[in-house]
PDB file of N, CA and C in Angstrom:
ATOM      1  N   MET A   1      16.694  10.842 -22.986  1.00  0.00           N
ATOM      2  CA  MET A   1      16.923  10.985 -21.559  1.00  0.00           C
ATOM      3  C   MET A   1      15.598  10.901 -20.784  1.00  0.00           C
ATOM      4  N   LEU A   2      14.598  11.652 -21.218  1.00  0.00           N
ATOM      5  CA  LEU A   2      13.289  11.626 -20.563  1.00  0.00           C
ATOM      6  C   LEU A   2      12.667  10.236 -20.664  1.00  0.00           C
ATOM      7  N   ARG A   3      12.823   9.616 -21.829  1.00  0.00           N
ATOM      8  CA  ARG A   3      12.273   8.270 -22.027  1.00  0.00           C
ATOM      9  C   ARG A   3      12.898   7.288 -21.033  1.00  0.00           C
ATOM     10  N   THR A   4      14.194   7.392 -20.817  1.00  0.00           N
ATOM     11  CA  THR A   4      14.888   6.527 -19.863  1.00  0.00           C
ATOM     12  C   THR A   4      14.376   6.757 -18.448  1.00  0.00           C
ATOM     13  N   PHE A   5      14.159   8.012 -18.076  1.00  0.00           N
ATOM     14  CA  PHE A   5      13.652   8.359 -16.754  1.00  0.00           C
ATOM     15  C   PHE A   5      12.255   7.770 -16.541  1.00  0.00           C
ATOM     16  N   ILE A   6      11.381   7.946 -17.515  1.00  0.00           N
ATOM     17  CA  ILE A   6      10.016   7.437 -17.414  1.00  0.00           C
ATOM     18  C   ILE A   6      10.038   5.913 -17.317  1.00  0.00           C
ATOM     19  N   PHE A   7      10.859   5.268 -18.127  1.00  0.00           N
ATOM     20  CA  PHE A   7      10.958   3.811 -18.097  1.00  0.00           C
ATOM     21  C   PHE A   7      11.449   3.326 -16.741  1.00  0.00           C
ATOM     22  N   ALA A   8      12.417   4.028 -16.161  1.00  0.00           N
ATOM     23  CA  ALA A   8      12.926   3.674 -14.829  1.00  0.00           C
ATOM     24  C   ALA A   8      11.823   3.817 -13.790  1.00  0.00           C
ATOM     25  N   LYS A   9      11.038   4.859 -13.881  1.00  0.00           N
ATOM     26  CA  LYS A   9       9.928   5.061 -12.946  1.00  0.00           C
ATOM     27  C   LYS A   9       8.894   3.950 -13.087  1.00  0.00           C
ATOM     28  N   LEU A  10       8.577   3.557 -14.319  1.00  0.00           N
ATOM     29  CA  LEU A  10       7.622   2.483 -14.530  1.00  0.00           C
ATOM     30  C   LEU A  10       8.132   1.172 -13.957  1.00  0.00           C
ATOM     31  N   ASN A  11       9.409   0.903 -14.116  1.00  0.00           N
ATOM     32  CA  ASN A  11       9.999  -0.308 -13.546  1.00  0.00           C
ATOM     33  C   ASN A  11       9.914  -0.284 -12.029  1.00  0.00           C
ATOM     34  N   LEU A  12      10.120   0.865 -11.430  1.00  0.00           N
ATOM     35  CA  LEU A  12      10.032   1.012  -9.976  1.00  0.00           C
ATOM     36  C   LEU A  12       8.609   0.691  -9.512  1.00  0.00           C
ATOM     37  N   ILE A  13       7.634   1.207 -10.223  1.00  0.00           N
ATOM     38  CA  ILE A  13       6.246   0.977  -9.864  1.00  0.00           C
ATOM     39  C   ILE A  13       5.897  -0.511 -10.006  1.00  0.00           C
ATOM     40  N   GLU A  14       6.331  -1.133 -11.099  1.00  0.00           N
ATOM     41  CA  GLU A  14       6.030  -2.548 -11.312  1.00  0.00           C
ATOM     42  C   GLU A  14       6.602  -3.418 -10.209  1.00  0.00           C
ATOM     43  N   LYS A  15       7.783  -3.087  -9.725  1.00  0.00           N
ATOM     44  CA  LYS A  15       8.436  -3.906  -8.714  1.00  0.00           C
ATOM     45  C   LYS A  15       7.716  -3.861  -7.377  1.00  0.00           C
ATOM     46  N   MET A  16       6.952  -2.831  -7.115  1.00  0.00           N
ATOM     47  CA  MET A  16       6.263  -2.776  -5.833  1.00  0.00           C
ATOM     48  C   MET A  16       4.867  -3.384  -5.898  1.00  0.00           C
ATOM     49  N   ASP A  17       4.389  -3.728  -7.087  1.00  0.00           N
ATOM     50  CA  ASP A  17       3.093  -4.381  -7.229  1.00  0.00           C
ATOM     51  C   ASP A  17       3.248  -5.879  -7.012  1.00  0.00           C
ATOM     52  N   LEU A  18       2.408  -6.440  -6.144  1.00  0.00           N
ATOM     53  CA  LEU A  18       2.416  -7.879  -5.911  1.00  0.00           C
ATOM     54  C   LEU A  18       1.025  -8.431  -6.178  1.00  0.00           C
ATOM     55  N   THR A  19       0.982  -9.623  -6.738  1.00  0.00           N
ATOM     56  CA  THR A  19      -0.313 -10.277  -6.934  1.00  0.00           C
ATOM     57  C   THR A  19      -0.909 -10.570  -5.564  1.00  0.00           C
ATOM     58  N   GLN A  20      -2.187 -10.904  -5.545  1.00  0.00           N
ATOM     59  CA  GLN A  20      -2.855 -11.254  -4.291  1.00  0.00           C
ATOM     60  C   GLN A  20      -2.087 -12.363  -3.561  1.00  0.00           C
ATOM     61  N   GLU A  21      -1.682 -13.394  -4.306  1.00  0.00           N
ATOM     62  CA  GLU A  21      -0.987 -14.532  -3.713  1.00  0.00           C
ATOM     63  C   GLU A  21       0.384 -14.131  -3.175  1.00  0.00           C
ATOM     64  N   GLU A  22       1.146 -13.376  -3.976  1.00  0.00           N
ATOM     65  CA  GLU A  22       2.480 -12.937  -3.550  1.00  0.00           C
ATOM     66  C   GLU A  22       2.392 -12.052  -2.305  1.00  0.00           C
ATOM     67  N   TRP A  23       1.437 -11.126  -2.325  1.00  0.00           N
ATOM     68  CA  TRP A  23       1.262 -10.170  -1.237  1.00  0.00           C
ATOM     69  C   TRP A  23       0.913 -10.901   0.058  1.00  0.00           C
ATOM     70  N   ALA A  24      -0.053 -11.825  -0.019  1.00  0.00           N
ATOM     71  CA  ALA A  24      -0.500 -12.572   1.166  1.00  0.00           C
ATOM     72  C   ALA A  24       0.618 -13.449   1.713  1.00  0.00           C
ATOM     73  N   GLU A  25       1.339 -14.129   0.830  1.00  0.00           N
ATOM     74  CA  GLU A  25       2.417 -15.023   1.256  1.00  0.00           C
ATOM     75  C   GLU A  25       3.562 -14.229   1.888  1.00  0.00           C
ATOM     76  N   GLN A  26       3.953 -13.150   1.239  1.00  0.00           N
ATOM     77  CA  GLN A  26       5.043 -12.326   1.755  1.00  0.00           C
ATOM     78  C   GLN A  26       4.650 -11.716   3.099  1.00  0.00           C
ATOM     79  N   LEU A  27       3.419 -11.234   3.208  1.00  0.00           N
ATOM     80  CA  LEU A  27       2.916 -10.643   4.445  1.00  0.00           C
ATOM     81  C   LEU A  27       2.917 -11.663   5.575  1.00  0.00           C
ATOM     82  N   LYS A  28       2.459 -12.868   5.279  1.00  0.00           N
ATOM     83  CA  LYS A  28       2.370 -13.927   6.284  1.00  0.00           C
ATOM     84  C   LYS A  28       3.740 -14.257   6.886  1.00  0.00           C
ATOM     85  N   ASN A  29       4.784 -14.153   6.074  1.00  0.00           N
ATOM     86  CA  ASN A  29       6.131 -14.529   6.503  1.00  0.00           C
ATOM     87  C   ASN A  29       6.983 -13.345   6.938  1.00  0.00           C
ATOM     88  N   ASP A  30       6.382 -12.174   7.096  1.00  0.00           N
ATOM     89  CA  ASP A  30       7.132 -10.952   7.398  1.00  0.00           C
ATOM     90  C   ASP A  30       6.877 -10.504   8.836  1.00  0.00           C
ATOM     91  N   ASP A  31       7.887 -10.624   9.685  1.00  0.00           N
ATOM     92  CA  ASP A  31       7.782 -10.195  11.083  1.00  0.00           C
ATOM     93  C   ASP A  31       7.904  -8.683  11.248  1.00  0.00           C
ATOM     94  N   ASN A  32       8.239  -7.995  10.163  1.00  0.00           N
ATOM     95  CA  ASN A  32       8.440  -6.548  10.218  1.00  0.00           C
ATOM     96  C   ASN A  32       7.398  -5.818   9.362  1.00  0.00           C
ATOM     97  N   ALA A  33       6.224  -6.407   9.244  1.00  0.00           N
ATOM     98  CA  ALA A  33       5.192  -5.871   8.359  1.00  0.00           C
ATOM     99  C   ALA A  33       4.346  -4.794   9.026  1.00  0.00           C
ATOM    100  N   PHE A  34       3.915  -3.839   8.217  1.00  0.00           N
ATOM    101  CA  PHE A  34       2.938  -2.824   8.611  1.00  0.00           C
ATOM    102  C   PHE A  34       1.885  -2.807   7.510  1.00  0.00           C
ATOM    103  N   LEU A  35       0.654  -3.091   7.873  1.00  0.00           N
ATOM    104  CA  LEU A  35      -0.441  -3.190   6.915  1.00  0.00           C
ATOM    105  C   LEU A  35      -1.176  -1.854   6.857  1.00  0.00           C
ATOM    106  N   LEU A  36      -1.155  -1.212   5.686  1.00  0.00           N
ATOM    107  CA  LEU A  36      -1.722   0.129   5.527  1.00  0.00           C
ATOM    108  C   LEU A  36      -2.888   0.118   4.538  1.00  0.00           C
ATOM    109  N   ASP A  37      -4.051   0.521   5.026  1.00  0.00           N
ATOM    110  CA  ASP A  37      -5.274   0.641   4.245  1.00  0.00           C
ATOM    111  C   ASP A  37      -5.449   2.123   3.928  1.00  0.00           C
ATOM    112  N   VAL A  38      -5.430   2.490   2.640  1.00  0.00           N
ATOM    113  CA  VAL A  38      -5.515   3.909   2.274  1.00  0.00           C
ATOM    114  C   VAL A  38      -6.903   4.296   1.759  1.00  0.00           C
ATOM    115  N   ARG A  39      -7.911   3.474   2.062  1.00  0.00           N
ATOM    116  CA  ARG A  39      -9.275   3.748   1.609  1.00  0.00           C
ATOM    117  C   ARG A  39      -9.969   4.786   2.487  1.00  0.00           C
ATOM    118  N   THR A  40     -11.133   5.207   2.042  1.00  0.00           N
ATOM    119  CA  THR A  40     -11.950   6.153   2.803  1.00  0.00           C
ATOM    120  C   THR A  40     -12.607   5.434   3.979  1.00  0.00           C
ATOM    121  N   PRO A  41     -13.028   6.164   5.009  1.00  0.00           N
ATOM    122  CA  PRO A  41     -13.731   5.538   6.135  1.00  0.00           C
ATOM    123  C   PRO A  41     -14.984   4.773   5.696  1.00  0.00           C
ATOM    124  N   GLU A  42     -15.685   5.273   4.697  1.00  0.00           N
ATOM    125  CA  GLU A  42     -16.881   4.600   4.197  1.00  0.00           C
ATOM    126  C   GLU A  42     -16.525   3.236   3.596  1.00  0.00           C
ATOM    127  N   GLU A  43     -15.418   3.173   2.894  1.00  0.00           N
ATOM    128  CA  GLU A  43     -14.973   1.907   2.307  1.00  0.00           C
ATOM    129  C   GLU A  43     -14.545   0.926   3.402  1.00  0.00           C
ATOM    130  N   VAL A  44     -13.897   1.435   4.431  1.00  0.00           N
ATOM    131  CA  VAL A  44     -13.439   0.593   5.529  1.00  0.00           C
ATOM    132  C   VAL A  44     -14.620  -0.041   6.249  1.00  0.00           C
ATOM    133  N   GLU A  45     -15.745   0.680   6.338  1.00  0.00           N
ATOM    134  CA  GLU A  45     -16.947   0.146   6.985  1.00  0.00           C
ATOM    135  C   GLU A  45     -17.457  -1.122   6.311  1.00  0.00           C
ATOM    136  N   GLU A  46     -17.090  -1.322   5.044  1.00  0.00           N
ATOM    137  CA  GLU A  46     -17.519  -2.511   4.301  1.00  0.00           C
ATOM    138  C   GLU A  46     -16.647  -3.726   4.627  1.00  0.00           C
ATOM    139  N   GLY A  47     -15.596  -3.517   5.407  1.00  0.00           N
ATOM    140  CA  GLY A  47     -14.683  -4.588   5.783  1.00  0.00           C
ATOM    141  C   GLY A  47     -13.244  -4.170   5.537  1.00  0.00           C
ATOM    142  N   TYR A  48     -12.331  -4.860   6.198  1.00  0.00           N
ATOM    143  CA  TYR A  48     -10.912  -4.547   6.058  1.00  0.00           C
ATOM    144  C   TYR A  48     -10.085  -5.782   6.375  1.00  0.00           C
ATOM    145  N   ILE A  49      -8.837  -5.748   5.968  1.00  0.00           N
ATOM    146  CA  ILE A  49      -7.922  -6.842   6.256  1.00  0.00           C
ATOM    147  C   ILE A  49      -7.489  -6.691   7.713  1.00  0.00           C
ATOM    148  N   PRO A  50      -7.605  -7.757   8.511  1.00  0.00           N
ATOM    149  CA  PRO A  50      -7.269  -7.664   9.942  1.00  0.00           C
ATOM    150  C   PRO A  50      -5.866  -7.095  10.184  1.00  0.00           C
ATOM    151  N   ASN A  51      -5.754  -6.327  11.265  1.00  0.00           N
ATOM    152  CA  ASN A  51      -4.502  -5.715  11.721  1.00  0.00           C
ATOM    153  C   ASN A  51      -4.004  -4.581  10.834  1.00  0.00           C
ATOM    154  N   SER A  52      -4.859  -4.062   9.958  1.00  0.00           N
ATOM    155  CA  SER A  52      -4.428  -2.947   9.119  1.00  0.00           C
ATOM    156  C   SER A  52      -4.737  -1.620   9.810  1.00  0.00           C
ATOM    157  N   THR A  53      -3.951  -0.623   9.443  1.00  0.00           N
ATOM    158  CA  THR A  53      -4.135   0.744   9.913  1.00  0.00           C
ATOM    159  C   THR A  53      -4.674   1.559   8.752  1.00  0.00           C
ATOM    160  N   ASN A  54      -5.742   2.302   8.990  1.00  0.00           N
ATOM    161  CA  ASN A  54      -6.342   3.100   7.932  1.00  0.00           C
ATOM    162  C   ASN A  54      -5.861   4.535   7.996  1.00  0.00           C
ATOM    163  N   ILE A  55      -5.290   4.994   6.875  1.00  0.00           N
ATOM    164  CA  ILE A  55      -4.970   6.404   6.676  1.00  0.00           C
ATOM    165  C   ILE A  55      -5.455   6.738   5.266  1.00  0.00           C
ATOM    166  N   ASP A  56      -6.523   7.479   5.176  1.00  0.00           N
ATOM    167  CA  ASP A  56      -7.171   7.808   3.900  1.00  0.00           C
ATOM    168  C   ASP A  56      -6.253   8.680   3.043  1.00  0.00           C
ATOM    169  N   ILE A  57      -5.880   8.174   1.874  1.00  0.00           N
ATOM    170  CA  ILE A  57      -4.991   8.924   0.982  1.00  0.00           C
ATOM    171  C   ILE A  57      -5.631  10.232   0.506  1.00  0.00           C
ATOM    172  N   TYR A  58      -6.972  10.290   0.505  1.00  0.00           N
ATOM    173  CA  TYR A  58      -7.657  11.510   0.073  1.00  0.00           C
ATOM    174  C   TYR A  58      -7.523  12.657   1.078  1.00  0.00           C
ATOM    175  N   LEU A  59      -6.902  12.409   2.228  1.00  0.00           N
ATOM    176  CA  LEU A  59      -6.718  13.476   3.219  1.00  0.00           C
ATOM    177  C   LEU A  59      -5.614  14.453   2.815  1.00  0.00           C
ATOM    178  N   GLY A  60      -4.894  14.157   1.762  1.00  0.00           N
ATOM    179  CA  GLY A  60      -3.871  15.076   1.261  1.00  0.00           C
ATOM    180  C   GLY A  60      -2.733  15.274   2.239  1.00  0.00           C
ATOM    181  N   GLN A  61      -2.542  16.506   2.683  1.00  0.00           N
ATOM    182  CA  GLN A  61      -1.436  16.823   3.582  1.00  0.00           C
ATOM    183  C   GLN A  61      -1.519  16.044   4.889  1.00  0.00           C
ATOM    184  N   GLU A  62      -2.722  15.835   5.380  1.00  0.00           N
ATOM    185  CA  GLU A  62      -2.888  15.059   6.607  1.00  0.00           C
ATOM    186  C   GLU A  62      -2.408  13.613   6.414  1.00  0.00           C
ATOM    187  N   PHE A  63      -2.639  13.067   5.209  1.00  0.00           N
ATOM    188  CA  PHE A  63      -2.121  11.734   4.888  1.00  0.00           C
ATOM    189  C   PHE A  63      -0.590  11.750   4.990  1.00  0.00           C
ATOM    190  N   LEU A  64       0.030  12.748   4.373  1.00  0.00           N
ATOM    191  CA  LEU A  64       1.492  12.860   4.418  1.00  0.00           C
ATOM    192  C   LEU A  64       1.989  13.005   5.853  1.00  0.00           C
ATOM    193  N   ASP A  65       1.309  13.831   6.633  1.00  0.00           N
ATOM    194  CA  ASP A  65       1.705  14.040   8.029  1.00  0.00           C
ATOM    195  C   ASP A  65       1.633  12.735   8.819  1.00  0.00           C
ATOM    196  N   GLU A  66       0.569  11.962   8.618  1.00  0.00           N
ATOM    197  CA  GLU A  66       0.408  10.696   9.334  1.00  0.00           C
ATOM    198  C   GLU A  66       1.447   9.667   8.889  1.00  0.00           C
ATOM    199  N   VAL A  67       1.714   9.613   7.603  1.00  0.00           N
ATOM    200  CA  VAL A  67       2.708   8.672   7.077  1.00  0.00           C
ATOM    201  C   VAL A  67       4.099   9.006   7.611  1.00  0.00           C
ATOM    202  N   GLU A  68       4.390  10.293   7.737  1.00  0.00           N
ATOM    203  CA  GLU A  68       5.693  10.724   8.259  1.00  0.00           C
ATOM    204  C   GLU A  68       5.943  10.203   9.673  1.00  0.00           C
ATOM    205  N   LYS A  69       4.891   9.943  10.427  1.00  0.00           N
ATOM    206  CA  LYS A  69       5.012   9.457  11.809  1.00  0.00           C
ATOM    207  C   LYS A  69       5.326   7.963  11.886  1.00  0.00           C
ATOM    208  N   LEU A  70       5.168   7.257  10.775  1.00  0.00           N
ATOM    209  CA  LEU A  70       5.341   5.808  10.770  1.00  0.00           C
ATOM    210  C   LEU A  70       6.812   5.412  10.781  1.00  0.00           C
ATOM    211  N   ASP A  71       7.087   4.213  11.262  1.00  0.00           N
ATOM    212  CA  ASP A  71       8.436   3.664  11.319  1.00  0.00           C
ATOM    213  C   ASP A  71       8.890   3.306   9.908  1.00  0.00           C
ATOM    214  N   LYS A  72       9.842   4.064   9.387  1.00  0.00           N
ATOM    215  CA  LYS A  72      10.299   3.882   8.009  1.00  0.00           C
ATOM    216  C   LYS A  72      11.069   2.581   7.798  1.00  0.00           C
ATOM    217  N   ASP A  73      11.421   1.892   8.869  1.00  0.00           N
ATOM    218  CA  ASP A  73      12.137   0.625   8.754  1.00  0.00           C
ATOM    219  C   ASP A  73      11.197  -0.567   8.561  1.00  0.00           C
ATOM    220  N   LYS A  74       9.911  -0.336   8.655  1.00  0.00           N
ATOM    221  CA  LYS A  74       8.930  -1.402   8.464  1.00  0.00           C
ATOM    222  C   LYS A  74       8.799  -1.738   6.973  1.00  0.00           C
ATOM    223  N   ASN A  75       8.215  -2.884   6.696  1.00  0.00           N
ATOM    224  CA  ASN A  75       7.831  -3.273   5.338  1.00  0.00           C
ATOM    225  C   ASN A  75       6.338  -2.988   5.218  1.00  0.00           C
ATOM    226  N   PHE A  76       5.975  -2.101   4.310  1.00  0.00           N
ATOM    227  CA  PHE A  76       4.607  -1.626   4.187  1.00  0.00           C
ATOM    228  C   PHE A  76       3.845  -2.404   3.121  1.00  0.00           C
ATOM    229  N   TYR A  77       2.729  -2.981   3.536  1.00  0.00           N
ATOM    230  CA  TYR A  77       1.821  -3.687   2.642  1.00  0.00           C
ATOM    231  C   TYR A  77       0.589  -2.808   2.528  1.00  0.00           C
ATOM    232  N   VAL A  78       0.401  -2.239   1.332  1.00  0.00           N
ATOM    233  CA  VAL A  78      -0.579  -1.175   1.145  1.00  0.00           C
ATOM    234  C   VAL A  78      -1.710  -1.656   0.231  1.00  0.00           C
ATOM    235  N   TYR A  79      -2.942  -1.311   0.630  1.00  0.00           N
ATOM    236  CA  TYR A  79      -4.080  -1.664  -0.216  1.00  0.00           C
ATOM    237  C   TYR A  79      -5.141  -0.575  -0.196  1.00  0.00           C
ATOM    238  N   CYS A  80      -5.942  -0.583  -1.266  1.00  0.00           N
ATOM    239  CA  CYS A  80      -7.117   0.285  -1.374  1.00  0.00           C
ATOM    240  C   CYS A  80      -8.240  -0.579  -1.957  1.00  0.00           C
ATOM    241  N   ARG A  81      -9.205   0.011  -2.577  1.00  0.00           N
ATOM    242  CA  ARG A  81     -10.308  -0.768  -3.136  1.00  0.00           C
ATOM    243  C   ARG A  81      -9.870  -1.567  -4.360  1.00  0.00           C
ATOM    244  N   SER A  82      -9.161  -0.907  -5.308  1.00  0.00           N
ATOM    245  CA  SER A  82      -8.840  -1.565  -6.578  1.00  0.00           C
ATOM    246  C   SER A  82      -7.350  -1.711  -6.867  1.00  0.00           C
ATOM    247  N   GLY A  83      -6.512  -1.046  -6.097  1.00  0.00           N
ATOM    248  CA  GLY A  83      -5.065  -1.104  -6.331  1.00  0.00           C
ATOM    249  C   GLY A  83      -4.480   0.169  -6.902  1.00  0.00           C
ATOM    250  N   ASN A  84      -5.326   1.121  -7.330  1.00  0.00           N
ATOM    251  CA  ASN A  84      -4.818   2.367  -7.906  1.00  0.00           C
ATOM    252  C   ASN A  84      -4.279   3.323  -6.848  1.00  0.00           C
ATOM    253  N   ARG A  85      -5.106   3.658  -5.868  1.00  0.00           N
ATOM    254  CA  ARG A  85      -4.663   4.589  -4.823  1.00  0.00           C
ATOM    255  C   ARG A  85      -3.507   4.008  -4.020  1.00  0.00           C
ATOM    256  N   SER A  86      -3.547   2.695  -3.770  1.00  0.00           N
ATOM    257  CA  SER A  86      -2.460   2.086  -3.008  1.00  0.00           C
ATOM    258  C   SER A  86      -1.157   2.124  -3.805  1.00  0.00           C
ATOM    259  N   GLY A  87      -1.244   2.034  -5.124  1.00  0.00           N
ATOM    260  CA  GLY A  87      -0.052   2.195  -5.956  1.00  0.00           C
ATOM    261  C   GLY A  87       0.517   3.597  -5.822  1.00  0.00           C
ATOM    262  N   GLN A  88      -0.365   4.582  -5.809  1.00  0.00           N
ATOM    263  CA  GLN A  88       0.061   5.974  -5.603  1.00  0.00           C
ATOM    264  C   GLN A  88       0.659   6.140  -4.210  1.00  0.00           C
ATOM    265  N   ALA A  89       0.032   5.507  -3.221  1.00  0.00           N
ATOM    266  CA  ALA A  89       0.532   5.597  -1.853  1.00  0.00           C
ATOM    267  C   ALA A  89       1.928   4.984  -1.743  1.00  0.00           C
ATOM    268  N   CYS A  90       2.161   3.872  -2.430  1.00  0.00           N
ATOM    269  CA  CYS A  90       3.493   3.259  -2.419  1.00  0.00           C
ATOM    270  C   CYS A  90       4.535   4.207  -2.997  1.00  0.00           C
ATOM    271  N   ALA A  91       4.187   4.886  -4.074  1.00  0.00           N
ATOM    272  CA  ALA A  91       5.106   5.861  -4.668  1.00  0.00           C
ATOM    273  C   ALA A  91       5.380   7.002  -3.689  1.00  0.00           C
ATOM    274  N   ILE A  92       4.355   7.453  -2.983  1.00  0.00           N
ATOM    275  CA  ILE A  92       4.531   8.504  -1.971  1.00  0.00           C
ATOM    276  C   ILE A  92       5.436   8.008  -0.851  1.00  0.00           C
ATOM    277  N   LEU A  93       5.189   6.789  -0.371  1.00  0.00           N
ATOM    278  CA  LEU A  93       6.024   6.223   0.689  1.00  0.00           C
ATOM    279  C   LEU A  93       7.475   6.169   0.253  1.00  0.00           C
ATOM    280  N   LYS A  94       7.724   5.736  -0.964  1.00  0.00           N
ATOM    281  CA  LYS A  94       9.090   5.664  -1.473  1.00  0.00           C
ATOM    282  C   LYS A  94       9.719   7.054  -1.529  1.00  0.00           C
ATOM    283  N   SER A  95       8.934   8.062  -1.923  1.00  0.00           N
ATOM    284  CA  SER A  95       9.466   9.425  -1.994  1.00  0.00           C
ATOM    285  C   SER A  95       9.790   9.981  -0.607  1.00  0.00           C
ATOM    286  N   LEU A  96       9.178   9.386   0.433  1.00  0.00           N
ATOM    287  CA  LEU A  96       9.427   9.809   1.812  1.00  0.00           C
ATOM    288  C   LEU A  96      10.520   8.981   2.485  1.00  0.00           C
ATOM    289  N   GLY A  97      11.172   8.127   1.708  1.00  0.00           N
ATOM    290  CA  GLY A  97      12.283   7.356   2.246  1.00  0.00           C
ATOM    291  C   GLY A  97      11.931   5.967   2.739  1.00  0.00           C
ATOM    292  N   ILE A  98      10.741   5.503   2.442  1.00  0.00           N
ATOM    293  CA  ILE A  98      10.336   4.146   2.819  1.00  0.00           C
ATOM    294  C   ILE A  98      10.596   3.251   1.614  1.00  0.00           C
ATOM    295  N   ASP A  99      11.588   2.392   1.732  1.00  0.00           N
ATOM    296  CA  ASP A  99      12.033   1.598   0.588  1.00  0.00           C
ATOM    297  C   ASP A  99      11.194   0.351   0.338  1.00  0.00           C
ATOM    298  N   ASN A 100      10.573  -0.180   1.367  1.00  0.00           N
ATOM    299  CA  ASN A 100       9.837  -1.429   1.223  1.00  0.00           C
ATOM    300  C   ASN A 100       8.341  -1.197   1.326  1.00  0.00           C
ATOM    301  N   ALA A 101       7.728  -0.856   0.199  1.00  0.00           N
ATOM    302  CA  ALA A 101       6.283  -0.642   0.130  1.00  0.00           C
ATOM    303  C   ALA A 101       5.734  -1.505  -0.998  1.00  0.00           C
ATOM    304  N   TYR A 102       4.733  -2.324  -0.668  1.00  0.00           N
ATOM    305  CA  TYR A 102       4.199  -3.280  -1.622  1.00  0.00           C
ATOM    306  C   TYR A 102       2.709  -3.050  -1.835  1.00  0.00           C
ATOM    307  N   ASN A 103       2.327  -2.887  -3.089  1.00  0.00           N
ATOM    308  CA  ASN A 103       0.951  -2.619  -3.478  1.00  0.00           C
ATOM    309  C   ASN A 103       0.212  -3.928  -3.752  1.00  0.00           C
ATOM    310  N   LEU A 104      -0.997  -4.036  -3.227  1.00  0.00           N
ATOM    311  CA  LEU A 104      -1.847  -5.197  -3.475  1.00  0.00           C
ATOM    312  C   LEU A 104      -2.563  -5.012  -4.811  1.00  0.00           C
ATOM    313  N   GLU A 105      -2.117  -5.743  -5.847  1.00  0.00           N
ATOM    314  CA  GLU A 105      -2.763  -5.660  -7.157  1.00  0.00           C
ATOM    315  C   GLU A 105      -4.222  -6.093  -7.040  1.00  0.00           C
ATOM    316  N   GLY A 106      -5.112  -5.314  -7.636  1.00  0.00           N
ATOM    317  CA  GLY A 106      -6.532  -5.649  -7.609  1.00  0.00           C
ATOM    318  C   GLY A 106      -7.243  -5.185  -6.359  1.00  0.00           C
ATOM    319  N   GLY A 107      -6.475  -4.796  -5.339  1.00  0.00           N
ATOM    320  CA  GLY A 107      -7.041  -4.217  -4.135  1.00  0.00           C
ATOM    321  C   GLY A 107      -7.963  -5.115  -3.332  1.00  0.00           C
ATOM    322  N   PHE A 108      -8.660  -4.475  -2.405  1.00  0.00           N
ATOM    323  CA  PHE A 108      -9.539  -5.176  -1.474  1.00  0.00           C
ATOM    324  C   PHE A 108     -10.700  -5.873  -2.188  1.00  0.00           C
ATOM    325  N   MET A 109     -11.152  -5.302  -3.309  1.00  0.00           N
ATOM    326  CA  MET A 109     -12.302  -5.899  -3.994  1.00  0.00           C
ATOM    327  C   MET A 109     -11.981  -7.280  -4.555  1.00  0.00           C
ATOM    328  N   ASN A 110     -10.699  -7.611  -4.721  1.00  0.00           N
ATOM    329  CA  ASN A 110     -10.304  -8.941  -5.194  1.00  0.00           C
ATOM    330  C   ASN A 110      -9.673  -9.787  -4.090  1.00  0.00           C
ATOM    331  N   TRP A 111      -9.630  -9.246  -2.877  1.00  0.00           N
ATOM    332  CA  TRP A 111      -8.989  -9.934  -1.756  1.00  0.00           C
ATOM    333  C   TRP A 111      -9.757 -11.203  -1.411  1.00  0.00           C
ATOM    334  N   GLU A 112      -9.034 -12.308  -1.294  1.00  0.00           N
ATOM    335  CA  GLU A 112      -9.657 -13.591  -0.972  1.00  0.00           C
ATOM    336  C   GLU A 112      -9.264 -14.088   0.412  1.00  0.00           C
ATOM    337  N   GLY A 113      -8.472 -13.294   1.121  1.00  0.00           N
ATOM    338  CA  GLY A 113      -8.048 -13.682   2.463  1.00  0.00           C
ATOM    339  C   GLY A 113      -9.055 -13.270   3.527  1.00  0.00           C
ATOM    340  N   GLU A 114      -8.601 -13.300   4.771  1.00  0.00           N
ATOM    341  CA  GLU A 114      -9.456 -12.975   5.906  1.00  0.00           C
ATOM    342  C   GLU A 114      -9.905 -11.514   5.847  1.00  0.00           C
ATOM    343  N   VAL A 115     -11.149 -11.288   6.274  1.00  0.00           N
ATOM    344  CA  VAL A 115     -11.725  -9.947   6.305  1.00  0.00           C
ATOM    345  C   VAL A 115     -12.370  -9.718   7.664  1.00  0.00           C
ATOM    346  N   ALA A 116     -12.117  -8.539   8.234  1.00  0.00           N
ATOM    347  CA  ALA A 116     -12.757  -8.129   9.486  1.00  0.00           C
ATOM    348  C   ALA A 116     -13.821  -7.093   9.153  1.00  0.00           C
ATOM    349  N   GLU A 117     -14.820  -6.994  10.044  1.00  0.00           N
ATOM    350  CA  GLU A 117     -15.882  -5.999   9.823  1.00  0.00           C
ATOM    351  C   GLU A 117     -16.056  -5.118  11.043  1.00  0.00           C
TER     352      GLU A 117
END
């Protein structure tokens, strides 16, 4: 039973991970997109994907409070530096009732698209 539960959770996580190409293409064609950067302010200073909103996942409860204010009907495209924190953020979003959250595999450090500074 536990093995089945864990396997189901892993499948859920895999489905929200998109390659750089998939993420960029899906984002480009999505009129209902919300771009969420969960990196620290120091990381954001190094550059960010245009039109993204930064909410640092390390803020803990404040992160949850800010996410709760967001429109849950949006499609969330989430990124961090490497893809780990954004994967965690996607799981948090799903637990808060946001069904469409997509993690950028490899994160910002592998991003080949447009960058703002």
